[in-house]
Amino acid sequence: MPNPTLLECFDNPSPNRDYLIEHVAEEFTSVCPKTGHPDFGTVTLQYIPSQLCVELKSLKLYLQAFRNEGIFYEALTNKIADDLAELMSPKWMLLRTDWTGRGGIRSSIEVELGIAPD
């Protein structure tokens, strides 16, 4: 399982203002633990920072570390959300994974933490 210490932060440049950050990783891959086939998806992170923001190169390396991991969509989405929430302690965060279709079924998983913005 990818190590959350791959993730790094920097100080929020505007901690006295609530604002929304969105990062989209369109080339995410992991492995189906049942079949061993690759899973392809998009990871979308939205958050309102508190004191810290995630650094993008570290986020990219962390997400790429899932490339050879056999993990179900639901576990993966919750793992990423938990690691980011522990790292940044955002005021609000939504992590969404959208998976390409297989067998005529497409999947989307969302994890929301904190108080939703107005």
PDB file of N, CA and C in Angstrom:
ATOM      1  N   MET A   1       0.853  -1.185   0.000  1.00  0.00           N
ATOM      2  CA  MET A   1       0.000   0.000   0.000  1.00  0.00           C
ATOM      3  C   MET A   1       0.892   1.239   0.000  1.00  0.00           C
ATOM      4  N   PRO A   2       0.579   2.232  -0.840  1.00  0.00           N
ATOM      5  CA  PRO A   2       1.403   3.447  -0.876  1.00  0.00           C
ATOM      6  C   PRO A   2       1.535   4.109   0.495  1.00  0.00           C
ATOM      7  N   ASN A   3       2.723   4.587   0.747  1.00  0.00           N
ATOM      8  CA  ASN A   3       3.042   5.207   2.015  1.00  0.00           C
ATOM      9  C   ASN A   3       2.578   6.663   2.018  1.00  0.00           C
ATOM     10  N   PRO A   4       1.749   7.055   2.994  1.00  0.00           N
ATOM     11  CA  PRO A   4       1.282   8.447   3.028  1.00  0.00           C
ATOM     12  C   PRO A   4       2.396   9.461   3.283  1.00  0.00           C
ATOM     13  N   THR A   5       3.584   8.990   3.693  1.00  0.00           N
ATOM     14  CA  THR A   5       4.686   9.943   3.888  1.00  0.00           C
ATOM     15  C   THR A   5       5.200  10.482   2.553  1.00  0.00           C
ATOM     16  N   LEU A   6       4.726   9.921   1.426  1.00  0.00           N
ATOM     17  CA  LEU A   6       5.046  10.496   0.118  1.00  0.00           C
ATOM     18  C   LEU A   6       4.418  11.884  -0.045  1.00  0.00           C
ATOM     19  N   LEU A   7       3.333  12.121   0.686  1.00  0.00           N
ATOM     20  CA  LEU A   7       2.595  13.386   0.577  1.00  0.00           C
ATOM     21  C   LEU A   7       3.279  14.496   1.364  1.00  0.00           C
ATOM     22  N   GLU A   8       3.326  15.669   0.761  1.00  0.00           N
ATOM     23  CA  GLU A   8       3.900  16.847   1.408  1.00  0.00           C
ATOM     24  C   GLU A   8       2.906  17.995   1.351  1.00  0.00           C
ATOM     25  N   CYS A   9       3.089  18.949   2.250  1.00  0.00           N
ATOM     26  CA  CYS A   9       2.217  20.130   2.318  1.00  0.00           C
ATOM     27  C   CYS A   9       3.033  21.403   2.242  1.00  0.00           C
ATOM     28  N   PHE A  10       2.316  22.489   2.020  1.00  0.00           N
ATOM     29  CA  PHE A  10       2.880  23.824   2.177  1.00  0.00           C
ATOM     30  C   PHE A  10       1.835  24.667   2.899  1.00  0.00           C
ATOM     31  N   ASP A  11       2.271  25.762   3.492  1.00  0.00           N
ATOM     32  CA  ASP A  11       1.362  26.628   4.243  1.00  0.00           C
ATOM     33  C   ASP A  11       0.323  27.256   3.327  1.00  0.00           C
ATOM     34  N   ASN A  12      -0.904  27.274   3.775  1.00  0.00           N
ATOM     35  CA  ASN A  12      -1.985  27.937   3.063  1.00  0.00           C
ATOM     36  C   ASN A  12      -1.640  29.426   2.952  1.00  0.00           C
ATOM     37  N   PRO A  13      -1.561  29.967   1.738  1.00  0.00           N
ATOM     38  CA  PRO A  13      -1.192  31.371   1.599  1.00  0.00           C
ATOM     39  C   PRO A  13      -2.289  32.346   2.035  1.00  0.00           C
ATOM     40  N   SER A  14      -3.530  31.861   2.173  1.00  0.00           N
ATOM     41  CA  SER A  14      -4.643  32.721   2.596  1.00  0.00           C
ATOM     42  C   SER A  14      -5.500  32.012   3.641  1.00  0.00           C
ATOM     43  N   PRO A  15      -4.941  31.753   4.816  1.00  0.00           N
ATOM     44  CA  PRO A  15      -5.673  30.975   5.827  1.00  0.00           C
ATOM     45  C   PRO A  15      -6.894  31.680   6.405  1.00  0.00           C
ATOM     46  N   ASN A  16      -7.006  32.986   6.207  1.00  0.00           N
ATOM     47  CA  ASN A  16      -8.147  33.722   6.758  1.00  0.00           C
ATOM     48  C   ASN A  16      -9.328  33.780   5.800  1.00  0.00           C
ATOM     49  N   ARG A  17      -9.196  33.115   4.643  1.00  0.00           N
ATOM     50  CA  ARG A  17     -10.261  33.124   3.642  1.00  0.00           C
ATOM     51  C   ARG A  17     -10.591  31.688   3.272  1.00  0.00           C
ATOM     52  N   ASP A  18     -11.869  31.388   3.182  1.00  0.00           N
ATOM     53  CA  ASP A  18     -12.284  30.082   2.664  1.00  0.00           C
ATOM     54  C   ASP A  18     -12.296  30.141   1.145  1.00  0.00           C
ATOM     55  N   TYR A  19     -11.620  29.200   0.528  1.00  0.00           N
ATOM     56  CA  TYR A  19     -11.625  29.092  -0.929  1.00  0.00           C
ATOM     57  C   TYR A  19     -11.484  27.625  -1.301  1.00  0.00           C
ATOM     58  N   LEU A  20     -11.974  27.280  -2.469  1.00  0.00           N
ATOM     59  CA  LEU A  20     -12.024  25.899  -2.921  1.00  0.00           C
ATOM     60  C   LEU A  20     -10.858  25.600  -3.853  1.00  0.00           C
ATOM     61  N   ILE A  21     -10.186  24.495  -3.572  1.00  0.00           N
ATOM     62  CA  ILE A  21      -9.108  23.993  -4.423  1.00  0.00           C
ATOM     63  C   ILE A  21      -9.596  22.695  -5.051  1.00  0.00           C
ATOM     64  N   GLU A  22      -9.339  22.528  -6.349  1.00  0.00           N
ATOM     65  CA  GLU A  22      -9.677  21.275  -7.017  1.00  0.00           C
ATOM     66  C   GLU A  22      -8.473  20.784  -7.802  1.00  0.00           C
ATOM     67  N   HIS A  23      -8.126  19.507  -7.607  1.00  0.00           N
ATOM     68  CA  HIS A  23      -7.074  18.850  -8.368  1.00  0.00           C
ATOM     69  C   HIS A  23      -7.692  17.624  -9.028  1.00  0.00           C
ATOM     70  N   VAL A  24      -7.386  17.407 -10.306  1.00  0.00           N
ATOM     71  CA  VAL A  24      -7.934  16.273 -11.044  1.00  0.00           C
ATOM     72  C   VAL A  24      -6.777  15.473 -11.637  1.00  0.00           C
ATOM     73  N   ALA A  25      -6.709  14.201 -11.274  1.00  0.00           N
ATOM     74  CA  ALA A  25      -5.709  13.281 -11.835  1.00  0.00           C
ATOM     75  C   ALA A  25      -6.447  12.357 -12.798  1.00  0.00           C
ATOM     76  N   GLU A  26      -6.249  12.588 -14.092  1.00  0.00           N
ATOM     77  CA  GLU A  26      -7.034  11.893 -15.110  1.00  0.00           C
ATOM     78  C   GLU A  26      -6.439  10.560 -15.559  1.00  0.00           C
ATOM     79  N   GLU A  27      -5.244  10.247 -15.135  1.00  0.00           N
ATOM     80  CA  GLU A  27      -4.580   9.028 -15.609  1.00  0.00           C
ATOM     81  C   GLU A  27      -4.259   8.092 -14.453  1.00  0.00           C
ATOM     82  N   PHE A  28      -5.221   7.890 -13.567  1.00  0.00           N
ATOM     83  CA  PHE A  28      -5.003   7.049 -12.394  1.00  0.00           C
ATOM     84  C   PHE A  28      -5.169   5.575 -12.759  1.00  0.00           C
ATOM     85  N   THR A  29      -4.292   4.734 -12.239  1.00  0.00           N
ATOM     86  CA  THR A  29      -4.431   3.292 -12.432  1.00  0.00           C
ATOM     87  C   THR A  29      -4.136   2.550 -11.132  1.00  0.00           C
ATOM     88  N   SER A  30      -4.846   1.455 -10.971  1.00  0.00           N
ATOM     89  CA  SER A  30      -4.580   0.482  -9.915  1.00  0.00           C
ATOM     90  C   SER A  30      -4.894  -0.884 -10.519  1.00  0.00           C
ATOM     91  N   VAL A  31      -4.968  -1.901  -9.684  1.00  0.00           N
ATOM     92  CA  VAL A  31      -5.188  -3.259 -10.177  1.00  0.00           C
ATOM     93  C   VAL A  31      -6.395  -3.861  -9.471  1.00  0.00           C
ATOM     94  N   CYS A  32      -7.241  -4.557 -10.228  1.00  0.00           N
ATOM     95  CA  CYS A  32      -8.368  -5.269  -9.629  1.00  0.00           C
ATOM     96  C   CYS A  32      -7.824  -6.446  -8.819  1.00  0.00           C
ATOM     97  N   PRO A  33      -8.169  -6.534  -7.526  1.00  0.00           N
ATOM     98  CA  PRO A  33      -7.638  -7.622  -6.709  1.00  0.00           C
ATOM     99  C   PRO A  33      -8.227  -8.993  -7.066  1.00  0.00           C
ATOM    100  N   LYS A  34      -9.337  -9.019  -7.771  1.00  0.00           N
ATOM    101  CA  LYS A  34      -9.964 -10.287  -8.173  1.00  0.00           C
ATOM    102  C   LYS A  34      -9.360 -10.841  -9.459  1.00  0.00           C
ATOM    103  N   THR A  35      -9.198  -9.967 -10.460  1.00  0.00           N
ATOM    104  CA  THR A  35      -8.774 -10.436 -11.783  1.00  0.00           C
ATOM    105  C   THR A  35      -7.310 -10.160 -12.090  1.00  0.00           C
ATOM    106  N   GLY A  36      -6.721  -9.173 -11.384  1.00  0.00           N
ATOM    107  CA  GLY A  36      -5.363  -8.758 -11.695  1.00  0.00           C
ATOM    108  C   GLY A  36      -5.279  -7.824 -12.879  1.00  0.00           C
ATOM    109  N   HIS A  37      -6.435  -7.469 -13.458  1.00  0.00           N
ATOM    110  CA  HIS A  37      -6.460  -6.547 -14.593  1.00  0.00           C
ATOM    111  C   HIS A  37      -6.335  -5.105 -14.103  1.00  0.00           C
ATOM    112  N   PRO A  38      -5.799  -4.234 -14.951  1.00  0.00           N
ATOM    113  CA  PRO A  38      -5.687  -2.828 -14.541  1.00  0.00           C
ATOM    114  C   PRO A  38      -7.052  -2.149 -14.496  1.00  0.00           C
ATOM    115  N   ASP A  39      -7.195  -1.266 -13.539  1.00  0.00           N
ATOM    116  CA  ASP A  39      -8.367  -0.385 -13.436  1.00  0.00           C
ATOM    117  C   ASP A  39      -7.899   1.022 -13.792  1.00  0.00           C
ATOM    118  N   PHE A  40      -8.696   1.720 -14.588  1.00  0.00           N
ATOM    119  CA  PHE A  40      -8.357   3.071 -15.020  1.00  0.00           C
ATOM    120  C   PHE A  40      -9.419   4.033 -14.508  1.00  0.00           C
ATOM    121  N   GLY A  41      -8.975   5.139 -13.933  1.00  0.00           N
ATOM    122  CA  GLY A  41      -9.936   6.083 -13.404  1.00  0.00           C
ATOM    123  C   GLY A  41      -9.401   7.494 -13.312  1.00  0.00           C
ATOM    124  N   THR A  42     -10.276   8.351 -12.834  1.00  0.00           N
ATOM    125  CA  THR A  42      -9.957   9.750 -12.572  1.00  0.00           C
ATOM    126  C   THR A  42     -10.176  10.005 -11.093  1.00  0.00           C
ATOM    127  N   VAL A  43      -9.206  10.640 -10.462  1.00  0.00           N
ATOM    128  CA  VAL A  43      -9.316  11.015  -9.050  1.00  0.00           C
ATOM    129  C   VAL A  43      -9.482  12.526  -8.994  1.00  0.00           C
ATOM    130  N   THR A  44     -10.572  12.973  -8.361  1.00  0.00           N
ATOM    131  CA  THR A  44     -10.830  14.400  -8.200  1.00  0.00           C
ATOM    132  C   THR A  44     -10.825  14.736  -6.714  1.00  0.00           C
ATOM    133  N   LEU A  45      -9.971  15.660  -6.347  1.00  0.00           N
ATOM    134  CA  LEU A  45      -9.873  16.136  -4.969  1.00  0.00           C
ATOM    135  C   LEU A  45     -10.348  17.576  -4.929  1.00  0.00           C
ATOM    136  N   GLN A  46     -11.345  17.857  -4.107  1.00  0.00           N
ATOM    137  CA  GLN A  46     -11.785  19.218  -3.824  1.00  0.00           C
ATOM    138  C   GLN A  46     -11.644  19.426  -2.327  1.00  0.00           C
ATOM    139  N   TYR A  47     -11.125  20.586  -1.936  1.00  0.00           N
ATOM    140  CA  TYR A  47     -11.039  20.863  -0.502  1.00  0.00           C
ATOM    141  C   TYR A  47     -10.966  22.359  -0.224  1.00  0.00           C
ATOM    142  N   ILE A  48     -11.401  22.694   0.976  1.00  0.00           N
ATOM    143  CA  ILE A  48     -11.222  24.040   1.519  1.00  0.00           C
ATOM    144  C   ILE A  48     -10.125  23.902   2.570  1.00  0.00           C
ATOM    145  N   PRO A  49      -8.974  24.495   2.319  1.00  0.00           N
ATOM    146  CA  PRO A  49      -7.857  24.288   3.240  1.00  0.00           C
ATOM    147  C   PRO A  49      -8.053  25.020   4.564  1.00  0.00           C
ATOM    148  N   SER A  50      -7.418  24.472   5.558  1.00  0.00           N
ATOM    149  CA  SER A  50      -7.313  25.147   6.848  1.00  0.00           C
ATOM    150  C   SER A  50      -5.947  25.833   6.857  1.00  0.00           C
ATOM    151  N   GLN A  51      -4.955  25.191   7.433  1.00  0.00           N
ATOM    152  CA  GLN A  51      -3.618  25.783   7.508  1.00  0.00           C
ATOM    153  C   GLN A  51      -2.665  25.263   6.432  1.00  0.00           C
ATOM    154  N   LEU A  52      -2.999  24.101   5.824  1.00  0.00           N
ATOM    155  CA  LEU A  52      -2.078  23.455   4.891  1.00  0.00           C
ATOM    156  C   LEU A  52      -2.743  23.113   3.569  1.00  0.00           C
ATOM    157  N   CYS A  53      -1.935  23.083   2.505  1.00  0.00           N
ATOM    158  CA  CYS A  53      -2.356  22.649   1.176  1.00  0.00           C
ATOM    159  C   CYS A  53      -1.438  21.508   0.744  1.00  0.00           C
ATOM    160  N   VAL A  54      -1.966  20.574  -0.032  1.00  0.00           N
ATOM    161  CA  VAL A  54      -1.141  19.476  -0.518  1.00  0.00           C
ATOM    162  C   VAL A  54      -0.277  19.957  -1.685  1.00  0.00           C
ATOM    163  N   GLU A  55       0.961  19.526  -1.705  1.00  0.00           N
ATOM    164  CA  GLU A  55       1.905  19.876  -2.760  1.00  0.00           C
ATOM    165  C   GLU A  55       1.681  18.921  -3.928  1.00  0.00           C
ATOM    166  N   LEU A  56       1.572  19.448  -5.155  1.00  0.00           N
ATOM    167  CA  LEU A  56       1.113  18.658  -6.296  1.00  0.00           C
ATOM    168  C   LEU A  56       2.076  17.564  -6.750  1.00  0.00           C
ATOM    169  N   LYS A  57       3.374  17.807  -6.755  1.00  0.00           N
ATOM    170  CA  LYS A  57       4.295  16.745  -7.174  1.00  0.00           C
ATOM    171  C   LYS A  57       4.197  15.559  -6.216  1.00  0.00           C
ATOM    172  N   SER A  58       4.098  15.830  -4.937  1.00  0.00           N
ATOM    173  CA  SER A  58       3.989  14.737  -3.971  1.00  0.00           C
ATOM    174  C   SER A  58       2.663  14.004  -4.136  1.00  0.00           C
ATOM    175  N   LEU A  59       1.594  14.734  -4.452  1.00  0.00           N
ATOM    176  CA  LEU A  59       0.302  14.095  -4.690  1.00  0.00           C
ATOM    177  C   LEU A  59       0.388  13.178  -5.907  1.00  0.00           C
ATOM    178  N   LYS A  60       1.037  13.653  -6.965  1.00  0.00           N
ATOM    179  CA  LYS A  60       1.200  12.850  -8.177  1.00  0.00           C
ATOM    180  C   LYS A  60       1.974  11.565  -7.878  1.00  0.00           C
ATOM    181  N   LEU A  61       3.080  11.672  -7.147  1.00  0.00           N
ATOM    182  CA  LEU A  61       3.884  10.489  -6.824  1.00  0.00           C
ATOM    183  C   LEU A  61       3.121   9.520  -5.928  1.00  0.00           C
ATOM    184  N   TYR A  62       2.362  10.049  -4.985  1.00  0.00           N
ATOM    185  CA  TYR A  62       1.536   9.216  -4.109  1.00  0.00           C
ATOM    186  C   TYR A  62       0.495   8.454  -4.929  1.00  0.00           C
ATOM    187  N   LEU A  63      -0.210   9.156  -5.813  1.00  0.00           N
ATOM    188  CA  LEU A  63      -1.236   8.497  -6.623  1.00  0.00           C
ATOM    189  C   LEU A  63      -0.618   7.473  -7.571  1.00  0.00           C
ATOM    190  N   GLN A  64       0.540   7.767  -8.139  1.00  0.00           N
ATOM    191  CA  GLN A  64       1.201   6.814  -9.031  1.00  0.00           C
ATOM    192  C   GLN A  64       1.638   5.551  -8.298  1.00  0.00           C
ATOM    193  N   ALA A  65       1.836   5.650  -6.998  1.00  0.00           N
ATOM    194  CA  ALA A  65       2.258   4.485  -6.213  1.00  0.00           C
ATOM    195  C   ALA A  65       1.163   3.422  -6.119  1.00  0.00           C
ATOM    196  N   PHE A  66      -0.066   3.756  -6.513  1.00  0.00           N
ATOM    197  CA  PHE A  66      -1.159   2.772  -6.518  1.00  0.00           C
ATOM    198  C   PHE A  66      -1.156   1.921  -7.791  1.00  0.00           C
ATOM    199  N   ARG A  67      -0.306   2.235  -8.743  1.00  0.00           N
ATOM    200  CA  ARG A  67      -0.319   1.603 -10.067  1.00  0.00           C
ATOM    201  C   ARG A  67      -0.327   0.073 -10.009  1.00  0.00           C
ATOM    202  N   ASN A  68       0.406  -0.522  -9.108  1.00  0.00           N
ATOM    203  CA  ASN A  68       0.508  -1.986  -9.026  1.00  0.00           C
ATOM    204  C   ASN A  68      -0.219  -2.571  -7.819  1.00  0.00           C
ATOM    205  N   GLU A  69      -1.033  -1.760  -7.157  1.00  0.00           N
ATOM    206  CA  GLU A  69      -1.752  -2.213  -5.967  1.00  0.00           C
ATOM    207  C   GLU A  69      -3.061  -2.903  -6.335  1.00  0.00           C
ATOM    208  N   GLY A  70      -3.264  -4.089  -5.813  1.00  0.00           N
ATOM    209  CA  GLY A  70      -4.547  -4.776  -5.954  1.00  0.00           C
ATOM    210  C   GLY A  70      -5.483  -4.284  -4.864  1.00  0.00           C
ATOM    211  N   ILE A  71      -6.463  -3.463  -5.230  1.00  0.00           N
ATOM    212  CA  ILE A  71      -7.329  -2.835  -4.233  1.00  0.00           C
ATOM    213  C   ILE A  71      -8.674  -2.497  -4.873  1.00  0.00           C
ATOM    214  N   PHE A  72      -9.744  -2.735  -4.120  1.00  0.00           N
ATOM    215  CA  PHE A  72     -11.086  -2.406  -4.605  1.00  0.00           C
ATOM    216  C   PHE A  72     -11.273  -0.888  -4.629  1.00  0.00           C
ATOM    217  N   TYR A  73     -12.159  -0.417  -5.526  1.00  0.00           N
ATOM    218  CA  TYR A  73     -12.435   1.022  -5.669  1.00  0.00           C
ATOM    219  C   TYR A  73     -12.768   1.681  -4.330  1.00  0.00           C
ATOM    220  N   GLU A  74     -13.637   1.032  -3.578  1.00  0.00           N
ATOM    221  CA  GLU A  74     -14.127   1.611  -2.330  1.00  0.00           C
ATOM    222  C   GLU A  74     -13.003   1.780  -1.311  1.00  0.00           C
ATOM    223  N   ALA A  75     -12.163   0.755  -1.178  1.00  0.00           N
ATOM    224  CA  ALA A  75     -11.047   0.815  -0.228  1.00  0.00           C
ATOM    225  C   ALA A  75     -10.031   1.858  -0.663  1.00  0.00           C
ATOM    226  N   LEU A  76      -9.763   1.926  -1.958  1.00  0.00           N
ATOM    227  CA  LEU A  76      -8.808   2.884  -2.488  1.00  0.00           C
ATOM    228  C   LEU A  76      -9.264   4.317  -2.229  1.00  0.00           C
ATOM    229  N   THR A  77     -10.520   4.597  -2.533  1.00  0.00           N
ATOM    230  CA  THR A  77     -11.041   5.954  -2.367  1.00  0.00           C
ATOM    231  C   THR A  77     -10.979   6.372  -0.900  1.00  0.00           C
ATOM    232  N   ASN A  78     -11.362   5.484  -0.006  1.00  0.00           N
ATOM    233  CA  ASN A  78     -11.311   5.795   1.427  1.00  0.00           C
ATOM    234  C   ASN A  78      -9.880   5.935   1.934  1.00  0.00           C
ATOM    235  N   LYS A  79      -8.953   5.135   1.427  1.00  0.00           N
ATOM    236  CA  LYS A  79      -7.544   5.228   1.830  1.00  0.00           C
ATOM    237  C   LYS A  79      -6.967   6.588   1.438  1.00  0.00           C
ATOM    238  N   ILE A  80      -7.189   6.997   0.203  1.00  0.00           N
ATOM    239  CA  ILE A  80      -6.672   8.298  -0.246  1.00  0.00           C
ATOM    240  C   ILE A  80      -7.296   9.428   0.571  1.00  0.00           C
ATOM    241  N   ALA A  81      -8.607   9.368   0.778  1.00  0.00           N
ATOM    242  CA  ALA A  81      -9.289  10.406   1.556  1.00  0.00           C
ATOM    243  C   ALA A  81      -8.741  10.467   2.981  1.00  0.00           C
ATOM    244  N   ASP A  82      -8.558   9.313   3.606  1.00  0.00           N
ATOM    245  CA  ASP A  82      -8.033   9.285   4.978  1.00  0.00           C
ATOM    246  C   ASP A  82      -6.623   9.859   5.052  1.00  0.00           C
ATOM    247  N   ASP A  83      -5.769   9.472   4.101  1.00  0.00           N
ATOM    248  CA  ASP A  83      -4.386   9.962   4.122  1.00  0.00           C
ATOM    249  C   ASP A  83      -4.328  11.475   3.915  1.00  0.00           C
ATOM    250  N   LEU A  84      -5.134  11.993   2.981  1.00  0.00           N
ATOM    251  CA  LEU A  84      -5.143  13.439   2.745  1.00  0.00           C
ATOM    252  C   LEU A  84      -5.741  14.207   3.915  1.00  0.00           C
ATOM    253  N   ALA A  85      -6.791  13.677   4.508  1.00  0.00           N
ATOM    254  CA  ALA A  85      -7.411  14.350   5.651  1.00  0.00           C
ATOM    255  C   ALA A  85      -6.449  14.399   6.836  1.00  0.00           C
ATOM    256  N   GLU A  86      -5.734  13.302   7.063  1.00  0.00           N
ATOM    257  CA  GLU A  86      -4.777  13.286   8.169  1.00  0.00           C
ATOM    258  C   GLU A  86      -3.625  14.255   7.911  1.00  0.00           C
ATOM    259  N   LEU A  87      -3.197  14.346   6.664  1.00  0.00           N
ATOM    260  CA  LEU A  87      -2.091  15.223   6.300  1.00  0.00           C
ATOM    261  C   LEU A  87      -2.446  16.700   6.449  1.00  0.00           C
ATOM    262  N   MET A  88      -3.610  17.092   5.901  1.00  0.00           N
ATOM    263  CA  MET A  88      -3.936  18.514   5.788  1.00  0.00           C
ATOM    264  C   MET A  88      -4.917  19.036   6.824  1.00  0.00           C
ATOM    265  N   SER A  89      -5.756  18.185   7.381  1.00  0.00           N
ATOM    266  CA  SER A  89      -6.853  18.617   8.263  1.00  0.00           C
ATOM    267  C   SER A  89      -7.650  19.754   7.613  1.00  0.00           C
ATOM    268  N   PRO A  90      -8.180  19.514   6.411  1.00  0.00           N
ATOM    269  CA  PRO A  90      -8.920  20.583   5.736  1.00  0.00           C
ATOM    270  C   PRO A  90     -10.231  20.901   6.440  1.00  0.00           C
ATOM    271  N   LYS A  91     -10.763  22.083   6.174  1.00  0.00           N
ATOM    272  CA  LYS A  91     -12.072  22.436   6.716  1.00  0.00           C
ATOM    273  C   LYS A  91     -13.156  21.563   6.108  1.00  0.00           C
ATOM    274  N   TRP A  92     -12.995  21.255   4.822  1.00  0.00           N
ATOM    275  CA  TRP A  92     -13.927  20.396   4.089  1.00  0.00           C
ATOM    276  C   TRP A  92     -13.165  19.729   2.964  1.00  0.00           C
ATOM    277  N   MET A  93     -13.566  18.496   2.639  1.00  0.00           N
ATOM    278  CA  MET A  93     -12.900  17.792   1.557  1.00  0.00           C
ATOM    279  C   MET A  93     -13.865  16.811   0.904  1.00  0.00           C
ATOM    280  N   LEU A  94     -13.780  16.716  -0.414  1.00  0.00           N
ATOM    281  CA  LEU A  94     -14.513  15.712  -1.181  1.00  0.00           C
ATOM    282  C   LEU A  94     -13.508  15.022  -2.084  1.00  0.00           C
ATOM    283  N   LEU A  95     -13.425  13.704  -1.970  1.00  0.00           N
ATOM    284  CA  LEU A  95     -12.586  12.923  -2.857  1.00  0.00           C
ATOM    285  C   LEU A  95     -13.502  12.026  -3.673  1.00  0.00           C
ATOM    286  N   ARG A  96     -13.369  12.111  -4.996  1.00  0.00           N
ATOM    287  CA  ARG A  96     -14.221  11.325  -5.895  1.00  0.00           C
ATOM    288  C   ARG A  96     -13.335  10.539  -6.844  1.00  0.00           C
ATOM    289  N   THR A  97     -13.659   9.268  -7.012  1.00  0.00           N
ATOM    290  CA  THR A  97     -13.000   8.461  -8.026  1.00  0.00           C
ATOM    291  C   THR A  97     -14.050   8.022  -9.036  1.00  0.00           C
ATOM    292  N   ASP A  98     -13.739   8.193 -10.313  1.00  0.00           N
ATOM    293  CA  ASP A  98     -14.611   7.788 -11.410  1.00  0.00           C
ATOM    294  C   ASP A  98     -13.850   6.765 -12.247  1.00  0.00           C
ATOM    295  N   TRP A  99     -14.448   5.595 -12.427  1.00  0.00           N
ATOM    296  CA  TRP A  99     -13.772   4.465 -13.054  1.00  0.00           C
ATOM    297  C   TRP A  99     -14.337   4.179 -14.429  1.00  0.00           C
ATOM    298  N   THR A 100     -13.458   3.847 -15.371  1.00  0.00           N
ATOM    299  CA  THR A 100     -13.914   3.504 -16.714  1.00  0.00           C
ATOM    300  C   THR A 100     -14.735   2.222 -16.658  1.00  0.00           C
ATOM    301  N   GLY A 101     -15.606   2.079 -17.640  1.00  0.00           N
ATOM    302  CA  GLY A 101     -16.522   0.946 -17.648  1.00  0.00           C
ATOM    303  C   GLY A 101     -15.834  -0.381 -17.876  1.00  0.00           C
ATOM    304  N   ARG A 102     -16.400  -1.374 -17.215  1.00  0.00           N
ATOM    305  CA  ARG A 102     -15.972  -2.750 -17.417  1.00  0.00           C
ATOM    306  C   ARG A 102     -17.223  -3.609 -17.331  1.00  0.00           C
ATOM    307  N   GLY A 103     -17.480  -4.386 -18.383  1.00  0.00           N
ATOM    308  CA  GLY A 103     -18.672  -5.228 -18.381  1.00  0.00           C
ATOM    309  C   GLY A 103     -19.960  -4.429 -18.409  1.00  0.00           C
ATOM    310  N   GLY A 104     -19.899  -3.204 -18.952  1.00  0.00           N
ATOM    311  CA  GLY A 104     -21.091  -2.374 -19.043  1.00  0.00           C
ATOM    312  C   GLY A 104     -21.421  -1.608 -17.776  1.00  0.00           C
ATOM    313  N   ILE A 105     -20.526  -1.636 -16.782  1.00  0.00           N
ATOM    314  CA  ILE A 105     -20.770  -0.925 -15.517  1.00  0.00           C
ATOM    315  C   ILE A 105     -19.631   0.068 -15.273  1.00  0.00           C
ATOM    316  N   ARG A 106     -20.019   1.322 -15.030  1.00  0.00           N
ATOM    317  CA  ARG A 106     -19.065   2.348 -14.597  1.00  0.00           C
ATOM    318  C   ARG A 106     -19.337   2.631 -13.138  1.00  0.00           C
ATOM    319  N   SER A 107     -18.296   2.962 -12.390  1.00  0.00           N
ATOM    320  CA  SER A 107     -18.453   3.218 -10.956  1.00  0.00           C
ATOM    321  C   SER A 107     -17.892   4.581 -10.589  1.00  0.00           C
ATOM    322  N   SER A 108     -18.517   5.213  -9.598  1.00  0.00           N
ATOM    323  CA  SER A 108     -18.038   6.451  -8.978  1.00  0.00           C
ATOM    324  C   SER A 108     -18.147   6.276  -7.474  1.00  0.00           C
ATOM    325  N   ILE A 109     -17.104   6.661  -6.780  1.00  0.00           N
ATOM    326  CA  ILE A 109     -17.079   6.564  -5.318  1.00  0.00           C
ATOM    327  C   ILE A 109     -16.736   7.946  -4.787  1.00  0.00           C
ATOM    328  N   GLU A 110     -17.469   8.404  -3.753  1.00  0.00           N
ATOM    329  CA  GLU A 110     -17.205   9.704  -3.132  1.00  0.00           C
ATOM    330  C   GLU A 110     -17.055   9.557  -1.630  1.00  0.00           C
ATOM    331  N   VAL A 111     -16.103  10.294  -1.097  1.00  0.00           N
ATOM    332  CA  VAL A 111     -15.919  10.415   0.339  1.00  0.00           C
ATOM    333  C   VAL A 111     -15.934  11.908   0.648  1.00  0.00           C
ATOM    334  N   GLU A 112     -16.810  12.335   1.546  1.00  0.00           N
ATOM    335  CA  GLU A 112     -16.892  13.730   1.962  1.00  0.00           C
ATOM    336  C   GLU A 112     -16.581  13.821   3.449  1.00  0.00           C
ATOM    337  N   LEU A 113     -15.715  14.751   3.791  1.00  0.00           N
ATOM    338  CA  LEU A 113     -15.316  14.962   5.178  1.00  0.00           C
ATOM    339  C   LEU A 113     -15.472  16.429   5.546  1.00  0.00           C
ATOM    340  N   GLY A 114     -15.894  16.697   6.754  1.00  0.00           N
ATOM    341  CA  GLY A 114     -16.038  18.067   7.208  1.00  0.00           C
ATOM    342  C   GLY A 114     -17.417  18.625   6.882  1.00  0.00           C
ATOM    343  N   ILE A 115     -17.555  19.917   7.087  1.00  0.00           N
ATOM    344  CA  ILE A 115     -18.825  20.606   6.860  1.00  0.00           C
ATOM    345  C   ILE A 115     -18.841  21.132   5.431  1.00  0.00           C
ATOM    346  N   ALA A 116     -19.865  20.749   4.678  1.00  0.00           N
ATOM    347  CA  ALA A 116     -19.972  21.142   3.282  1.00  0.00           C
ATOM    348  C   ALA A 116     -20.048  22.662   3.135  1.00  0.00           C
ATOM    349  N   PRO A 117     -19.426  23.202   2.077  1.00  0.00           N
ATOM    350  CA  PRO A 117     -19.492  24.648   1.849  1.00  0.00           C
ATOM    351  C   PRO A 117     -20.893  25.057   1.414  1.00  0.00           C
ATOM    352  N   ASP A 118     -21.217  26.336   1.640  1.00  0.00           N
ATOM    353  CA  ASP A 118     -22.530  26.859   1.225  1.00  0.00           C
ATOM    354  C   ASP A 118     -22.613  27.015  -0.267  1.00  0.00           C
TER     355      ASP A 118
END
